Each structure stands twice: as C-alpha cells, then as structure tokens.
Amino acid sequence: MKIMTTASARFAGVCLALLAVAPVLAHHSFSTEYDRSKPISVQGVVKKVEWQNPHIWFYVDVKDANGKVATWGFSGGPPAFLTRQGIKRDVMKPGDIVKVEGFRARDGSNNASGGKVTFPDGRSVFTASAEDARPDAK
C-alpha cells in the first residue's frame, strides 16, 4: 500500500509541475512566431474577430492580383491590454475594409502579427501587445 501512495504522490507532483509550466509553453515570444525581417501590408475585408485570451485574432479576406481571395489571420494583443489602451471590442467588425500592417509568421502561412490596422477614413489602431510594439523585442 505504501508503494501505491508514494507512486500516487509522485504522479500528482508531476501533474502539478506540468500544469504550472503549460501556460509558459503555450505563450510564445514574438520572435518565436513572427519574423521582423518580413513585414507585410495587406488590404481586405474583415471576415471574423475573436476577442478572447490569450490574444485577439482577426481574419481578413485579401484579394491577390488575379482576384483570388486568401484569408489572413492576425494575432493581436491580449483583450485586457487593448482595452486599457482604449481599444474596444467593436473597433473592427466583419465587413469592415482595413489595411493591416504586421510581420509574417515564421512558418510562411497566411498568419501574421496584426500590429497596425487602418480604416479607409484614416482612423488607425494599434492592435498588438506591448511586446510586439518594441522594435528591440526578441
């Protein structure tokens, strides 16, 4: 019985350690996910906005030179950070036309950091987190 108790205690300890480490592993640094040497600028129509932790995501349908539509996914800052900056949940809605500037995902997919969003009327919002804004962030 004592062996079972010791094994159970070790198992519980390992589980607790994994739970403590999981959030750190789940949140990658900017430079791990995005390439500062590959800035992008696309214009299109907002398809969807996900305002949830750990980061907002928004999706923009972009037409290429041949008229083919590709959906780009953009990662933004955490909702609480953006709210403190005065950026509200309804700043972007499906159907809005936007220009998005950011940095392409290292994996070459149609994902990027969504640092700056500009609307046709000239309004501009910075949707990235503080880490993403720092040019020296690594």
Protein backbone atom coordinates (compact mmCIF):
# COMPACT_ATOMS: atom_id res chain seq x y z
CA MET A 1 0.00 0.00 0.00
CA LYS A 2 2.88 2.35 0.78
CA ILE A 3 4.30 1.89 -2.76
CA MET A 4 0.96 2.90 -4.24
CA THR A 5 0.82 6.01 -2.07
CA THR A 6 4.37 7.05 -3.00
CA ALA A 7 3.71 6.46 -6.69
CA SER A 8 0.46 8.41 -6.48
CA ALA A 9 2.22 11.29 -4.74
CA ARG A 10 4.93 11.38 -7.41
CA PHE A 11 2.33 11.28 -10.18
CA ALA A 12 0.40 14.13 -8.57
CA GLY A 13 3.63 16.13 -8.26
CA VAL A 14 4.46 15.63 -11.93
CA CYS A 15 0.92 16.66 -12.93
CA LEU A 16 1.13 19.84 -10.85
CA ALA A 17 4.50 20.69 -12.35
CA LEU A 18 3.14 20.25 -15.88
CA LEU A 19 0.16 22.45 -15.10
CA ALA A 20 2.48 25.16 -13.82
CA VAL A 21 4.68 25.01 -16.94
CA ALA A 22 1.89 24.71 -19.54
CA PRO A 23 0.98 28.42 -19.67
CA VAL A 24 4.63 29.35 -20.21
CA LEU A 25 4.97 26.85 -23.03
CA ALA A 26 1.68 27.93 -24.61
CA HIS A 27 2.67 31.60 -24.86
CA HIS A 28 5.48 32.09 -27.35
CA SER A 29 7.52 35.24 -27.72
CA PHE A 30 7.03 37.50 -30.72
CA SER A 31 10.31 36.47 -32.33
CA THR A 32 9.48 32.78 -31.99
CA GLU A 33 6.31 33.15 -34.05
CA TYR A 34 6.91 36.16 -36.34
CA ASP A 35 9.79 37.37 -38.49
CA ARG A 36 10.65 41.07 -38.14
CA SER A 37 12.57 40.87 -41.41
CA LYS A 38 9.32 40.06 -43.25
CA PRO A 39 6.95 43.00 -42.82
CA ILE A 40 3.62 42.68 -44.58
CA SER A 41 0.87 45.10 -45.52
CA VAL A 42 -2.43 43.77 -46.82
CA GLN A 43 -5.81 45.30 -47.51
CA GLY A 44 -9.10 43.47 -47.39
CA VAL A 45 -12.41 42.82 -45.69
CA VAL A 46 -12.66 41.73 -42.06
CA LYS A 47 -14.15 38.25 -42.01
CA LYS A 48 -14.13 37.46 -38.29
CA VAL A 49 -12.89 38.88 -34.97
CA GLU A 50 -12.14 36.70 -31.93
CA TRP A 51 -11.80 38.90 -28.85
CA GLN A 52 -10.56 36.38 -26.28
CA ASN A 53 -7.49 35.45 -24.23
CA PRO A 54 -4.64 34.98 -24.55
CA HIS A 55 -4.63 37.21 -27.69
CA ILE A 56 -7.27 38.55 -30.01
CA TRP A 57 -7.31 37.14 -33.52
CA PHE A 58 -8.90 38.73 -36.55
CA TYR A 59 -9.23 37.39 -40.06
CA VAL A 60 -9.14 39.42 -43.27
CA ASP A 61 -10.09 38.26 -46.75
CA VAL A 62 -7.46 39.61 -49.15
CA LYS A 63 -7.64 39.53 -52.96
CA ASP A 64 -4.44 38.96 -54.89
CA ALA A 65 -3.61 40.47 -58.31
CA ASN A 66 -5.57 37.67 -60.03
CA GLY A 67 -8.69 38.22 -57.91
CA LYS A 68 -8.16 35.08 -55.84
CA VAL A 69 -9.19 35.54 -52.19
CA ALA A 70 -6.96 34.34 -49.36
CA THR A 71 -7.87 34.64 -45.70
CA TRP A 72 -5.14 36.05 -43.46
CA GLY A 73 -5.16 35.51 -39.69
CA PHE A 74 -3.71 38.24 -37.50
CA SER A 75 -2.74 37.90 -33.86
CA GLY A 76 -3.23 40.97 -31.70
CA GLY A 77 -2.64 41.82 -28.08
CA PRO A 78 -4.47 40.47 -25.05
CA PRO A 79 -8.00 41.88 -24.70
CA ALA A 80 -7.26 43.49 -21.31
CA PHE A 81 -4.17 45.27 -22.69
CA LEU A 82 -6.08 46.60 -25.69
CA THR A 83 -9.00 47.74 -23.52
CA ARG A 84 -6.59 49.65 -21.26
CA GLN A 85 -5.27 51.35 -24.41
CA GLY A 86 -8.81 52.50 -25.23
CA ILE A 87 -9.35 49.93 -28.00
CA LYS A 88 -12.77 48.38 -27.63
CA ARG A 89 -14.12 45.03 -28.73
CA ASP A 90 -16.18 46.60 -31.52
CA VAL A 91 -13.29 48.54 -33.10
CA MET A 92 -13.38 46.06 -36.00
CA LYS A 93 -16.43 44.26 -37.30
CA PRO A 94 -17.00 41.74 -40.08
CA GLY A 95 -17.44 43.64 -43.33
CA ASP A 96 -15.05 46.49 -42.41
CA ILE A 97 -12.42 47.31 -45.02
CA VAL A 98 -8.99 47.52 -43.41
CA LYS A 99 -5.31 47.77 -44.19
CA VAL A 100 -3.23 45.67 -41.79
CA GLU A 101 0.50 46.05 -41.21
CA GLY A 102 2.48 43.48 -39.31
CA PHE A 103 5.09 40.76 -39.61
CA ARG A 104 4.64 37.42 -41.32
CA ALA A 105 4.59 34.15 -39.42
CA ARG A 106 7.90 32.29 -39.48
CA ASP A 107 6.16 29.18 -40.83
CA GLY A 108 5.22 31.02 -44.05
CA SER A 109 1.47 30.58 -43.51
CA ASN A 110 -1.09 33.32 -44.06
CA ASN A 111 -0.76 34.33 -40.42
CA ALA A 112 0.93 37.43 -39.09
CA SER A 113 1.17 39.79 -36.19
CA GLY A 114 -1.51 42.42 -36.65
CA GLY A 115 0.25 45.48 -35.33
CA LYS A 116 -1.49 48.37 -37.06
CA VAL A 117 -4.96 48.48 -38.57
CA THR A 118 -6.01 51.45 -40.71
CA PHE A 119 -9.55 52.15 -41.90
CA PRO A 120 -10.50 53.91 -45.18
CA ASP A 121 -11.34 57.13 -43.26
CA GLY A 122 -7.76 57.27 -41.94
CA ARG A 123 -8.50 56.05 -38.40
CA SER A 124 -5.76 53.80 -37.19
CA VAL A 125 -5.49 51.47 -34.21
CA PHE A 126 -2.54 49.58 -32.83
CA THR A 127 -3.79 46.08 -32.04
CA ALA A 128 -0.58 44.38 -30.92
CA SER A 129 0.68 43.81 -27.40
CA ALA A 130 3.38 45.93 -25.78
CA GLU A 131 5.97 43.22 -26.53
CA ASP A 132 5.10 43.33 -30.23
CA ALA A 133 5.44 47.11 -30.34
CA ARG A 134 9.05 47.18 -29.16
CA PRO A 135 11.46 47.16 -32.09
CA ASP A 136 14.09 45.55 -29.87
CA ALA A 137 11.79 42.76 -28.62
CA LYS A 138 13.32 39.35 -29.14
